[in-house]
PDB file of N, CA and C in Angstrom:
ATOM      1  N   MET A   1    -128.265 -89.439 -91.399  1.00  0.00           N
ATOM      2  CA  MET A   1    -127.932 -89.516 -90.395  1.00  0.00           C
ATOM      3  C   MET A   1    -127.025 -88.585 -89.760  1.00  0.00           C
ATOM      4  N   THR A   2    -127.244 -87.900 -88.694  1.00  0.00           N
ATOM      5  CA  THR A   2    -126.852 -87.018 -88.223  1.00  0.00           C
ATOM      6  C   THR A   2    -125.506 -87.109 -87.710  1.00  0.00           C
ATOM      7  N   CYS A   3    -124.500 -85.843 -88.073  1.00  0.00           N
ATOM      8  CA  CYS A   3    -122.914 -85.739 -87.663  1.00  0.00           C
ATOM      9  C   CYS A   3    -122.744 -85.777 -86.343  1.00  0.00           C
ATOM     10  N   GLN A   4    -121.668 -86.083 -85.517  1.00  0.00           N
ATOM     11  CA  GLN A   4    -121.247 -86.124 -84.258  1.00  0.00           C
ATOM     12  C   GLN A   4    -121.291 -84.356 -83.922  1.00  0.00           C
ATOM     13  N   HIS A   5    -121.129 -83.452 -84.545  1.00  0.00           N
ATOM     14  CA  HIS A   5    -120.851 -82.230 -83.986  1.00  0.00           C
ATOM     15  C   HIS A   5    -122.435 -81.701 -83.569  1.00  0.00           C
ATOM     16  N   LEU A   6    -123.169 -82.132 -84.569  1.00  0.00           N
ATOM     17  CA  LEU A   6    -124.513 -82.016 -84.057  1.00  0.00           C
ATOM     18  C   LEU A   6    -124.981 -82.649 -82.716  1.00  0.00           C
ATOM     19  N   LYS A   7    -124.552 -83.910 -83.001  1.00  0.00           N
ATOM     20  CA  LYS A   7    -124.945 -84.958 -81.779  1.00  0.00           C
ATOM     21  C   LYS A   7    -124.612 -84.221 -80.190  1.00  0.00           C
ATOM     22  N   GLU A   8    -123.235 -83.702 -80.492  1.00  0.00           N
ATOM     23  CA  GLU A   8    -122.559 -83.247 -79.137  1.00  0.00           C
ATOM     24  C   GLU A   8    -122.581 -81.814 -79.008  1.00  0.00           C
ATOM     25  N   ALA A   9    -123.510 -80.974 -79.839  1.00  0.00           N
ATOM     26  CA  ALA A   9    -123.726 -79.627 -79.488  1.00  0.00           C
ATOM     27  C   ALA A   9    -124.590 -79.107 -78.554  1.00  0.00           C
ATOM     28  N   VAL A  10    -123.934 -78.256 -77.369  1.00  0.00           N
ATOM     29  CA  VAL A  10    -125.042 -77.722 -76.183  1.00  0.00           C
ATOM     30  C   VAL A  10    -125.491 -76.353 -76.459  1.00  0.00           C
ATOM     31  N   GLU A  11    -126.366 -76.008 -75.724  1.00  0.00           N
ATOM     32  CA  GLU A  11    -126.852 -74.868 -75.944  1.00  0.00           C
ATOM     33  C   GLU A  11    -126.456 -74.015 -75.041  1.00  0.00           C
ATOM     34  N   PRO A  12    -125.615 -73.183 -75.609  1.00  0.00           N
ATOM     35  CA  PRO A  12    -125.264 -72.105 -74.453  1.00  0.00           C
ATOM     36  C   PRO A  12    -126.344 -70.673 -74.416  1.00  0.00           C
ATOM     37  N   ALA A  13    -126.127 -70.445 -73.249  1.00  0.00           N
ATOM     38  CA  ALA A  13    -126.818 -68.697 -73.446  1.00  0.00           C
ATOM     39  C   ALA A  13    -126.208 -67.927 -74.100  1.00  0.00           C
ATOM     40  N   PRO A  14    -126.754 -67.246 -74.750  1.00  0.00           N
ATOM     41  CA  PRO A  14    -126.618 -66.208 -75.664  1.00  0.00           C
ATOM     42  C   PRO A  14    -125.781 -65.176 -74.907  1.00  0.00           C
ATOM     43  N   LEU A  15    -124.569 -64.243 -75.475  1.00  0.00           N
ATOM     44  CA  LEU A  15    -123.948 -63.347 -74.830  1.00  0.00           C
ATOM     45  C   LEU A  15    -124.691 -62.264 -74.320  1.00  0.00           C
ATOM     46  N   SER A  16    -125.371 -61.779 -74.804  1.00  0.00           N
ATOM     47  CA  SER A  16    -126.265 -60.881 -74.484  1.00  0.00           C
ATOM     48  C   SER A  16    -127.693 -60.604 -75.318  1.00  0.00           C
ATOM     49  N   GLY A  17    -128.655 -59.360 -74.691  1.00  0.00           N
ATOM     50  CA  GLY A  17    -129.677 -59.787 -75.428  1.00  0.00           C
ATOM     51  C   GLY A  17    -129.568 -58.740 -77.043  1.00  0.00           C
ATOM     52  N   TYR A  18    -130.500 -58.906 -77.903  1.00  0.00           N
ATOM     53  CA  TYR A  18    -130.483 -58.471 -78.999  1.00  0.00           C
ATOM     54  C   TYR A  18    -131.731 -57.834 -79.901  1.00  0.00           C
ATOM     55  N   PRO A  19    -132.587 -57.103 -79.203  1.00  0.00           N
ATOM     56  CA  PRO A  19    -133.522 -56.611 -79.422  1.00  0.00           C
ATOM     57  C   PRO A  19    -133.374 -55.465 -80.852  1.00  0.00           C
ATOM     58  N   ASP A  20    -132.145 -55.206 -81.283  1.00  0.00           N
ATOM     59  CA  ASP A  20    -131.753 -54.570 -82.455  1.00  0.00           C
ATOM     60  C   ASP A  20    -131.392 -55.358 -83.418  1.00  0.00           C
ATOM     61  N   GLY A  21    -131.099 -56.421 -83.338  1.00  0.00           N
ATOM     62  CA  GLY A  21    -130.611 -57.213 -84.298  1.00  0.00           C
ATOM     63  C   GLY A  21    -129.392 -57.710 -84.306  1.00  0.00           C
ATOM     64  N   CYS A  22    -128.873 -57.978 -85.339  1.00  0.00           N
ATOM     65  CA  CYS A  22    -127.466 -58.614 -85.582  1.00  0.00           C
ATOM     66  C   CYS A  22    -126.377 -57.389 -84.793  1.00  0.00           C
ATOM     67  N   PRO A  23    -125.659 -57.794 -83.762  1.00  0.00           N
ATOM     68  CA  PRO A  23    -124.921 -56.734 -83.100  1.00  0.00           C
ATOM     69  C   PRO A  23    -124.006 -56.204 -83.912  1.00  0.00           C
ATOM     70  N   GLN A  24    -123.031 -57.021 -85.041  1.00  0.00           N
ATOM     71  CA  GLN A  24    -121.949 -56.575 -85.801  1.00  0.00           C
ATOM     72  C   GLN A  24    -122.624 -55.268 -86.971  1.00  0.00           C
ATOM     73  N   CYS A  25    -123.736 -55.982 -87.345  1.00  0.00           N
ATOM     74  CA  CYS A  25    -124.338 -55.257 -88.127  1.00  0.00           C
ATOM     75  C   CYS A  25    -124.820 -53.625 -87.999  1.00  0.00           C
ATOM     76  N   VAL A  26    -125.530 -53.262 -86.617  1.00  0.00           N
ATOM     77  CA  VAL A  26    -125.943 -52.693 -85.884  1.00  0.00           C
ATOM     78  C   VAL A  26    -124.666 -51.678 -85.501  1.00  0.00           C
ATOM     79  N   ALA A  27    -123.700 -52.258 -84.890  1.00  0.00           N
ATOM     80  CA  ALA A  27    -122.324 -51.669 -84.856  1.00  0.00           C
ATOM     81  C   ALA A  27    -122.002 -50.691 -85.781  1.00  0.00           C
ATOM     82  N   ALA A  28    -121.932 -51.356 -87.003  1.00  0.00           N
ATOM     83  CA  ALA A  28    -121.633 -50.641 -88.440  1.00  0.00           C
ATOM     84  C   ALA A  28    -122.362 -49.826 -88.974  1.00  0.00           C
ATOM     85  N   GLY A  29    -123.832 -49.817 -88.533  1.00  0.00           N
ATOM     86  CA  GLY A  29    -124.921 -48.666 -89.022  1.00  0.00           C
ATOM     87  C   GLY A  29    -125.594 -49.498 -89.662  1.00  0.00           C
ATOM     88  N   PHE A  30    -125.554 -50.663 -89.997  1.00  0.00           N
ATOM     89  CA  PHE A  30    -126.230 -51.023 -91.030  1.00  0.00           C
ATOM     90  C   PHE A  30    -127.650 -51.866 -90.359  1.00  0.00           C
ATOM     91  N   GLN A  31    -128.973 -51.947 -91.015  1.00  0.00           N
ATOM     92  CA  GLN A  31    -130.180 -52.394 -90.709  1.00  0.00           C
ATOM     93  C   GLN A  31    -130.726 -53.416 -91.394  1.00  0.00           C
ATOM     94  N   ASN A  32    -130.072 -54.036 -92.582  1.00  0.00           N
ATOM     95  CA  ASN A  32    -130.797 -54.664 -93.599  1.00  0.00           C
ATOM     96  C   ASN A  32    -130.177 -56.445 -93.105  1.00  0.00           C
ATOM     97  N   TRP A  33    -130.098 -56.558 -92.003  1.00  0.00           N
ATOM     98  CA  TRP A  33    -129.948 -58.131 -91.749  1.00  0.00           C
ATOM     99  C   TRP A  33    -131.073 -58.608 -91.930  1.00  0.00           C
ATOM    100  N   VAL A  34    -131.212 -60.066 -92.052  1.00  0.00           N
ATOM    101  CA  VAL A  34    -132.683 -60.930 -92.208  1.00  0.00           C
ATOM    102  C   VAL A  34    -132.614 -61.567 -90.930  1.00  0.00           C
ATOM    103  N   HIS A  35    -131.862 -62.806 -90.636  1.00  0.00           N
ATOM    104  CA  HIS A  35    -132.434 -63.539 -89.708  1.00  0.00           C
ATOM    105  C   HIS A  35    -131.061 -63.630 -88.218  1.00  0.00           C
ATOM    106  N   LEU A  36    -131.334 -63.973 -87.370  1.00  0.00           N
ATOM    107  CA  LEU A  36    -130.256 -64.025 -86.426  1.00  0.00           C
ATOM    108  C   LEU A  36    -130.030 -65.554 -86.366  1.00  0.00           C
ATOM    109  N   ARG A  37    -128.669 -65.728 -85.959  1.00  0.00           N
ATOM    110  CA  ARG A  37    -128.449 -67.290 -85.697  1.00  0.00           C
ATOM    111  C   ARG A  37    -127.333 -67.143 -84.682  1.00  0.00           C
ATOM    112  N   LEU A  38    -127.369 -68.484 -83.705  1.00  0.00           N
ATOM    113  CA  LEU A  38    -126.829 -68.541 -82.403  1.00  0.00           C
ATOM    114  C   LEU A  38    -125.522 -69.476 -82.533  1.00  0.00           C
ATOM    115  N   CYS A  39    -124.243 -69.382 -82.223  1.00  0.00           N
ATOM    116  CA  CYS A  39    -123.419 -70.305 -82.347  1.00  0.00           C
ATOM    117  C   CYS A  39    -123.247 -70.958 -80.682  1.00  0.00           C
ATOM    118  N   LEU A  40    -123.498 -72.426 -81.166  1.00  0.00           N
ATOM    119  CA  LEU A  40    -123.322 -73.216 -80.441  1.00  0.00           C
ATOM    120  C   LEU A  40    -122.224 -73.864 -79.847  1.00  0.00           C
ATOM    121  N   GLY A  41    -121.017 -72.934 -80.204  1.00  0.00           N
ATOM    122  CA  GLY A  41    -119.612 -72.837 -79.853  1.00  0.00           C
ATOM    123  C   GLY A  41    -119.469 -72.097 -78.391  1.00  0.00           C
ATOM    124  N   CYS A  42    -119.861 -70.895 -78.657  1.00  0.00           N
ATOM    125  CA  CYS A  42    -119.772 -69.803 -77.520  1.00  0.00           C
ATOM    126  C   CYS A  42    -120.743 -68.856 -77.252  1.00  0.00           C
ATOM    127  N   GLY A  43    -122.034 -68.782 -78.166  1.00  0.00           N
ATOM    128  CA  GLY A  43    -123.102 -68.382 -77.708  1.00  0.00           C
ATOM    129  C   GLY A  43    -123.258 -66.558 -78.347  1.00  0.00           C
ATOM    130  N   MET A  44    -122.153 -66.597 -79.245  1.00  0.00           N
ATOM    131  CA  MET A  44    -121.941 -65.375 -80.210  1.00  0.00           C
ATOM    132  C   MET A  44    -123.712 -65.464 -81.266  1.00  0.00           C
ATOM    133  N   VAL A  45    -124.228 -64.390 -81.187  1.00  0.00           N
ATOM    134  CA  VAL A  45    -125.332 -64.318 -82.250  1.00  0.00           C
ATOM    135  C   VAL A  45    -125.112 -63.300 -83.213  1.00  0.00           C
ATOM    136  N   ALA A  46    -125.375 -63.662 -84.445  1.00  0.00           N
ATOM    137  CA  ALA A  46    -124.904 -63.039 -85.886  1.00  0.00           C
ATOM    138  C   ALA A  46    -125.878 -63.233 -86.778  1.00  0.00           C
ATOM    139  N   CYS A  47    -125.871 -62.621 -88.269  1.00  0.00           N
ATOM    140  CA  CYS A  47    -126.709 -62.692 -88.694  1.00  0.00           C
ATOM    141  C   CYS A  47    -126.671 -63.552 -89.774  1.00  0.00           C
ATOM    142  N   CYS A  48    -127.885 -64.128 -90.765  1.00  0.00           N
ATOM    143  CA  CYS A  48    -127.606 -65.528 -91.313  1.00  0.00           C
ATOM    144  C   CYS A  48    -126.676 -64.974 -93.012  1.00  0.00           C
ATOM    145  N   ASP A  49    -126.859 -66.132 -93.265  1.00  0.00           N
ATOM    146  CA  ASP A  49    -126.290 -66.320 -94.813  1.00  0.00           C
ATOM    147  C   ASP A  49    -127.312 -65.436 -95.756  1.00  0.00           C
ATOM    148  N   SER A  50    -128.695 -65.138 -95.570  1.00  0.00           N
ATOM    149  CA  SER A  50    -129.211 -64.278 -96.683  1.00  0.00           C
ATOM    150  C   SER A  50    -129.188 -62.693 -95.955  1.00  0.00           C
ATOM    151  N   SER A  51    -128.357 -62.755 -95.101  1.00  0.00           N
ATOM    152  CA  SER A  51    -127.902 -61.233 -94.917  1.00  0.00           C
ATOM    153  C   SER A  51    -126.748 -60.795 -95.648  1.00  0.00           C
ATOM    154  N   PRO A  52    -126.574 -59.565 -96.090  1.00  0.00           N
ATOM    155  CA  PRO A  52    -125.513 -59.268 -96.968  1.00  0.00           C
ATOM    156  C   PRO A  52    -124.149 -59.411 -96.281  1.00  0.00           C
ATOM    157  N   ARG A  53    -123.791 -59.275 -94.910  1.00  0.00           N
ATOM    158  CA  ARG A  53    -122.620 -59.412 -94.548  1.00  0.00           C
ATOM    159  C   ARG A  53    -122.349 -60.646 -94.038  1.00  0.00           C
ATOM    160  N   ARG A  54    -123.263 -61.631 -93.834  1.00  0.00           N
ATOM    161  CA  ARG A  54    -123.161 -63.190 -93.560  1.00  0.00           C
ATOM    162  C   ARG A  54    -122.199 -63.385 -92.096  1.00  0.00           C
ATOM    163  N   HIS A  55    -122.782 -62.981 -91.175  1.00  0.00           N
ATOM    164  CA  HIS A  55    -121.915 -62.494 -90.116  1.00  0.00           C
ATOM    165  C   HIS A  55    -121.650 -63.901 -89.193  1.00  0.00           C
ATOM    166  N   MET A  56    -122.554 -64.800 -89.348  1.00  0.00           N
ATOM    167  CA  MET A  56    -122.555 -66.424 -88.913  1.00  0.00           C
ATOM    168  C   MET A  56    -121.755 -67.025 -89.381  1.00  0.00           C
ATOM    169  N   SER A  57    -121.485 -67.179 -90.990  1.00  0.00           N
ATOM    170  CA  SER A  57    -120.575 -67.751 -91.363  1.00  0.00           C
ATOM    171  C   SER A  57    -119.142 -67.331 -91.186  1.00  0.00           C
ATOM    172  N   ALA A  58    -118.928 -66.091 -91.305  1.00  0.00           N
ATOM    173  CA  ALA A  58    -118.000 -65.534 -91.187  1.00  0.00           C
ATOM    174  C   ALA A  58    -117.133 -65.678 -89.601  1.00  0.00           C
ATOM    175  N   HIS A  59    -118.314 -65.702 -88.822  1.00  0.00           N
ATOM    176  CA  HIS A  59    -117.806 -66.282 -87.440  1.00  0.00           C
ATOM    177  C   HIS A  59    -116.866 -67.785 -87.217  1.00  0.00           C
ATOM    178  N   HIS A  60    -117.798 -68.694 -88.013  1.00  0.00           N
ATOM    179  CA  HIS A  60    -117.505 -69.737 -88.017  1.00  0.00           C
ATOM    180  C   HIS A  60    -116.302 -69.977 -88.902  1.00  0.00           C
ATOM    181  N   ALA A  61    -116.070 -69.159 -89.897  1.00  0.00           N
ATOM    182  CA  ALA A  61    -114.722 -69.259 -90.707  1.00  0.00           C
ATOM    183  C   ALA A  61    -113.443 -68.780 -89.872  1.00  0.00           C
ATOM    184  N   ALA A  62    -113.651 -67.873 -88.719  1.00  0.00           N
ATOM    185  CA  ALA A  62    -112.348 -67.420 -87.952  1.00  0.00           C
ATOM    186  C   ALA A  62    -112.414 -68.314 -86.813  1.00  0.00           C
ATOM    187  N   GLU A  63    -113.245 -68.873 -86.071  1.00  0.00           N
ATOM    188  CA  GLU A  63    -113.618 -69.349 -84.885  1.00  0.00           C
ATOM    189  C   GLU A  63    -113.397 -70.987 -84.952  1.00  0.00           C
ATOM    190  N   GLY A  64    -113.799 -71.292 -86.354  1.00  0.00           N
ATOM    191  CA  GLY A  64    -113.967 -72.823 -86.324  1.00  0.00           C
ATOM    192  C   GLY A  64    -115.153 -73.608 -85.468  1.00  0.00           C
ATOM    193  N   HIS A  65    -115.994 -72.648 -85.126  1.00  0.00           N
ATOM    194  CA  HIS A  65    -117.182 -73.632 -84.189  1.00  0.00           C
ATOM    195  C   HIS A  65    -118.111 -74.148 -85.638  1.00  0.00           C
ATOM    196  N   PRO A  66    -118.309 -75.225 -85.173  1.00  0.00           N
ATOM    197  CA  PRO A  66    -118.925 -76.016 -86.168  1.00  0.00           C
ATOM    198  C   PRO A  66    -120.474 -76.082 -86.335  1.00  0.00           C
ATOM    199  N   VAL A  67    -121.349 -75.716 -85.453  1.00  0.00           N
ATOM    200  CA  VAL A  67    -122.670 -75.517 -84.949  1.00  0.00           C
ATOM    201  C   VAL A  67    -123.017 -74.249 -84.721  1.00  0.00           C
ATOM    202  N   MET A  68    -124.208 -73.965 -85.252  1.00  0.00           N
ATOM    203  CA  MET A  68    -125.095 -72.904 -84.783  1.00  0.00           C
ATOM    204  C   MET A  68    -126.348 -73.688 -85.220  1.00  0.00           C
ATOM    205  N   ARG A  69    -127.734 -72.525 -84.367  1.00  0.00           N
ATOM    206  CA  ARG A  69    -128.612 -72.699 -84.615  1.00  0.00           C
ATOM    207  C   ARG A  69    -129.646 -71.487 -84.917  1.00  0.00           C
ATOM    208  N   SER A  70    -130.617 -71.611 -85.528  1.00  0.00           N
ATOM    209  CA  SER A  70    -131.559 -70.783 -85.683  1.00  0.00           C
ATOM    210  C   SER A  70    -131.976 -69.535 -84.434  1.00  0.00           C
ATOM    211  N   PHE A  71    -131.644 -68.255 -84.302  1.00  0.00           N
ATOM    212  CA  PHE A  71    -132.128 -67.981 -83.291  1.00  0.00           C
ATOM    213  C   PHE A  71    -133.646 -66.851 -83.232  1.00  0.00           C
ATOM    214  N   GLU A  72    -134.178 -66.943 -84.306  1.00  0.00           N
ATOM    215  CA  GLU A  72    -135.432 -66.869 -84.480  1.00  0.00           C
ATOM    216  C   GLU A  72    -136.758 -67.374 -83.820  1.00  0.00           C
ATOM    217  N   PRO A  73    -137.658 -66.495 -83.184  1.00  0.00           N
ATOM    218  CA  PRO A  73    -139.038 -67.228 -82.390  1.00  0.00           C
ATOM    219  C   PRO A  73    -139.384 -68.426 -83.224  1.00  0.00           C
ATOM    220  N   GLY A  74    -139.348 -69.450 -82.264  1.00  0.00           N
ATOM    221  CA  GLY A  74    -140.197 -70.490 -82.698  1.00  0.00           C
ATOM    222  C   GLY A  74    -139.285 -71.689 -83.403  1.00  0.00           C
ATOM    223  N   GLU A  75    -138.279 -71.298 -83.778  1.00  0.00           N
ATOM    224  CA  GLU A  75    -137.325 -71.925 -84.852  1.00  0.00           C
ATOM    225  C   GLU A  75    -136.057 -72.705 -83.718  1.00  0.00           C
ATOM    226  N   SER A  76    -135.774 -73.660 -84.007  1.00  0.00           N
ATOM    227  CA  SER A  76    -134.763 -74.415 -83.064  1.00  0.00           C
ATOM    228  C   SER A  76    -133.891 -75.413 -84.001  1.00  0.00           C
ATOM    229  N   TRP A  77    -134.213 -75.268 -84.917  1.00  0.00           N
ATOM    230  CA  TRP A  77    -133.116 -75.934 -86.496  1.00  0.00           C
ATOM    231  C   TRP A  77    -131.629 -75.596 -86.126  1.00  0.00           C
ATOM    232  N   ARG A  78    -130.644 -76.464 -86.204  1.00  0.00           N
ATOM    233  CA  ARG A  78    -129.322 -76.200 -85.936  1.00  0.00           C
ATOM    234  C   ARG A  78    -128.612 -76.616 -87.647  1.00  0.00           C
ATOM    235  N   TRP A  79    -127.671 -76.277 -87.889  1.00  0.00           N
ATOM    236  CA  TRP A  79    -126.934 -76.405 -88.926  1.00  0.00           C
ATOM    237  C   TRP A  79    -125.389 -76.469 -88.532  1.00  0.00           C
ATOM    238  N   CYS A  80    -124.568 -77.480 -89.157  1.00  0.00           N
ATOM    239  CA  CYS A  80    -123.320 -77.891 -89.257  1.00  0.00           C
ATOM    240  C   CYS A  80    -122.499 -77.291 -90.157  1.00  0.00           C
ATOM    241  N   TYR A  81    -121.796 -76.538 -90.267  1.00  0.00           N
ATOM    242  CA  TYR A  81    -120.894 -75.977 -91.097  1.00  0.00           C
ATOM    243  C   TYR A  81    -120.098 -77.092 -91.540  1.00  0.00           C
ATOM    244  N   GLU A  82    -119.074 -77.924 -90.753  1.00  0.00           N
ATOM    245  CA  GLU A  82    -118.453 -78.886 -91.110  1.00  0.00           C
ATOM    246  C   GLU A  82    -119.072 -80.077 -91.854  1.00  0.00           C
ATOM    247  N   ASP A  83    -119.718 -80.570 -91.907  1.00  0.00           N
ATOM    248  CA  ASP A  83    -120.596 -81.803 -92.372  1.00  0.00           C
ATOM    249  C   ASP A  83    -121.542 -81.070 -93.217  1.00  0.00           C
ATOM    250  N   GLU A  84    -122.143 -79.991 -93.258  1.00  0.00           N
ATOM    251  CA  GLU A  84    -123.041 -79.588 -93.967  1.00  0.00           C
ATOM    252  C   GLU A  84    -124.568 -80.338 -93.809  1.00  0.00           C
ATOM    253  N   GLN A  85    -124.969 -80.465 -92.426  1.00  0.00           N
ATOM    254  CA  GLN A  85    -125.848 -81.178 -92.405  1.00  0.00           C
ATOM    255  C   GLN A  85    -127.027 -80.368 -91.250  1.00  0.00           C
ATOM    256  N   LEU A  86    -128.145 -80.400 -91.614  1.00  0.00           N
ATOM    257  CA  LEU A  86    -129.049 -79.734 -91.035  1.00  0.00           C
ATOM    258  C   LEU A  86    -129.708 -80.892 -89.769  1.00  0.00           C
ATOM    259  N   GLY A  87    -129.835 -80.267 -88.282  1.00  0.00           N
ATOM    260  CA  GLY A  87    -130.156 -80.993 -87.473  1.00  0.00           C
ATOM    261  C   GLY A  87    -131.062 -80.815 -86.617  1.00  0.00           C
TER     262      GLY A  87
END
């Protein structure tokens, strides 16, 4: 069964383009991010949990936005942090 957060999540426009990868990693001088994720609460793009700094999980912890989706080409899966469900 899909959680309510996943059912209600809408697709915001990303806050900006990301030709160089995770903006937080790039700003700090790091290039070892793995995959990008899009916050469906605000449109922020950040690196995934396989990346050393896990910026999208940190964003969820700080802001409480429950749902993100893959921002990788050809992928559209979503994840709800609150209910730990894939959608």
